[in-house]
Amino acid sequence: MNKPALHCPICKKPAQEKFQPFCSKRCADIDLGRWFYEDYRIASPPQNEEEEKELLNSIKERLDPDPNVG
């Protein structure tokens, strides 16, 4: 039975068995870096009220990094 042709999720070249699901170590490292820099996330609901407040403050800081400007 033939395996389906897989494509690298980073560059779309054919995946190589050695680096699956990627085509090369470079693309695998790019993907890993995206996880490290939190470009990818697995969301979960806040566990308690304190965590929810921290999450909301973090979102506000990202949207308005310097509240003293403007």
C-alpha atoms as a PDB file:
ATOM      1  CA  MET A   1       0.000   0.000   0.000  1.00  0.00           C
ATOM      2  CA  ASN A   2       1.412   3.423  -0.974  1.00  0.00           C
ATOM      3  CA  LYS A   3       1.751   6.219   1.542  1.00  0.00           C
ATOM      4  CA  PRO A   4      -0.081   9.424   0.651  1.00  0.00           C
ATOM      5  CA  ALA A   5       2.155  12.203  -0.636  1.00  0.00           C
ATOM      6  CA  LEU A   6       2.732  14.641   2.214  1.00  0.00           C
ATOM      7  CA  HIS A   7       3.856  18.208   1.862  1.00  0.00           C
ATOM      8  CA  CYS A   8       5.917  20.225   4.282  1.00  0.00           C
ATOM      9  CA  PRO A   9       3.631  22.507   6.331  1.00  0.00           C
ATOM     10  CA  ILE A  10       6.258  25.287   6.186  1.00  0.00           C
ATOM     11  CA  CYS A  11       7.335  25.479   2.523  1.00  0.00           C
ATOM     12  CA  LYS A  12       4.957  22.986   0.809  1.00  0.00           C
ATOM     13  CA  LYS A  13       7.787  20.926  -0.738  1.00  0.00           C
ATOM     14  CA  PRO A  14       7.402  17.139  -0.578  1.00  0.00           C
ATOM     15  CA  ALA A  15       8.074  15.825   2.928  1.00  0.00           C
ATOM     16  CA  GLN A  16      11.150  13.684   3.480  1.00  0.00           C
ATOM     17  CA  GLU A  17      10.840  10.531   5.586  1.00  0.00           C
ATOM     18  CA  LYS A  18      13.817  11.531   7.755  1.00  0.00           C
ATOM     19  CA  PHE A  19      12.193  14.862   8.754  1.00  0.00           C
ATOM     20  CA  GLN A  20       8.469  14.072   8.529  1.00  0.00           C
ATOM     21  CA  PRO A  21       6.228  15.920   8.314  1.00  0.00           C
ATOM     22  CA  PHE A  22       8.823  18.429   7.082  1.00  0.00           C
ATOM     23  CA  CYS A  23      11.068  18.437   4.025  1.00  0.00           C
ATOM     24  CA  SER A  24      14.278  19.346   5.873  1.00  0.00           C
ATOM     25  CA  LYS A  25      15.853  20.100   9.241  1.00  0.00           C
ATOM     26  CA  ARG A  26      15.582  23.796   8.387  1.00  0.00           C
ATOM     27  CA  CYS A  27      11.784  23.657   8.116  1.00  0.00           C
ATOM     28  CA  ALA A  28      11.552  21.518  11.265  1.00  0.00           C
ATOM     29  CA  ASP A  29      13.627  24.136  13.118  1.00  0.00           C
ATOM     30  CA  ILE A  30      11.425  26.956  11.806  1.00  0.00           C
ATOM     31  CA  ASP A  31       8.378  25.141  13.175  1.00  0.00           C
ATOM     32  CA  LEU A  32      10.082  24.561  16.536  1.00  0.00           C
ATOM     33  CA  GLY A  33      11.013  28.233  16.726  1.00  0.00           C
ATOM     34  CA  ARG A  34       7.393  29.195  16.157  1.00  0.00           C
ATOM     35  CA  TRP A  35       6.410  27.081  19.168  1.00  0.00           C
ATOM     36  CA  PHE A  36       9.193  28.626  21.285  1.00  0.00           C
ATOM     37  CA  TYR A  37       8.117  32.165  20.370  1.00  0.00           C
ATOM     38  CA  GLU A  38       4.474  31.258  21.030  1.00  0.00           C
ATOM     39  CA  ASP A  39       3.335  31.794  17.457  1.00  0.00           C
ATOM     40  CA  TYR A  40       1.443  28.535  17.972  1.00  0.00           C
ATOM     41  CA  ARG A  41      -0.615  27.998  21.102  1.00  0.00           C
ATOM     42  CA  ILE A  42      -2.973  25.460  22.510  1.00  0.00           C
ATOM     43  CA  ALA A  43      -5.705  27.481  24.157  1.00  0.00           C
ATOM     44  CA  SER A  44      -7.298  26.545  27.430  1.00  0.00           C
ATOM     45  CA  PRO A  45      -9.839  28.395  29.540  1.00  0.00           C
ATOM     46  CA  PRO A  46      -8.546  30.303  32.581  1.00  0.00           C
ATOM     47  CA  GLN A  47      -8.386  28.048  35.649  1.00  0.00           C
ATOM     48  CA  ASN A  48      -9.328  30.717  38.178  1.00  0.00           C
ATOM     49  CA  GLU A  49     -10.199  34.396  38.550  1.00  0.00           C
ATOM     50  CA  GLU A  50      -6.550  35.426  39.098  1.00  0.00           C
ATOM     51  CA  GLU A  51      -5.453  33.709  35.887  1.00  0.00           C
ATOM     52  CA  GLU A  52      -8.305  35.343  33.997  1.00  0.00           C
ATOM     53  CA  LYS A  53      -7.216  38.815  35.204  1.00  0.00           C
ATOM     54  CA  GLU A  54      -3.612  38.111  34.156  1.00  0.00           C
ATOM     55  CA  LEU A  55      -4.798  37.017  30.725  1.00  0.00           C
ATOM     56  CA  LEU A  56      -6.899  40.159  30.255  1.00  0.00           C
ATOM     57  CA  ASN A  57      -4.019  42.400  31.359  1.00  0.00           C
ATOM     58  CA  SER A  58      -1.689  40.628  28.939  1.00  0.00           C
ATOM     59  CA  ILE A  59      -4.118  41.190  26.070  1.00  0.00           C
ATOM     60  CA  LYS A  60      -4.489  44.870  26.987  1.00  0.00           C
ATOM     61  CA  GLU A  61      -0.694  45.303  27.058  1.00  0.00           C
ATOM     62  CA  ARG A  62      -0.348  43.741  23.607  1.00  0.00           C
ATOM     63  CA  LEU A  63      -3.039  45.977  22.163  1.00  0.00           C
ATOM     64  CA  ASP A  64      -1.751  49.143  23.869  1.00  0.00           C
ATOM     65  CA  PRO A  65       1.887  48.579  24.921  1.00  0.00           C
ATOM     66  CA  ASP A  66       2.330  52.160  26.243  1.00  0.00           C
ATOM     67  CA  PRO A  67      -0.853  53.431  27.894  1.00  0.00           C
ATOM     68  CA  ASN A  68       0.877  56.782  28.669  1.00  0.00           C
ATOM     69  CA  VAL A  69       1.121  57.692  24.971  1.00  0.00           C
ATOM     70  CA  GLY A  70      -1.738  59.388  23.206  1.00  0.00           C
END
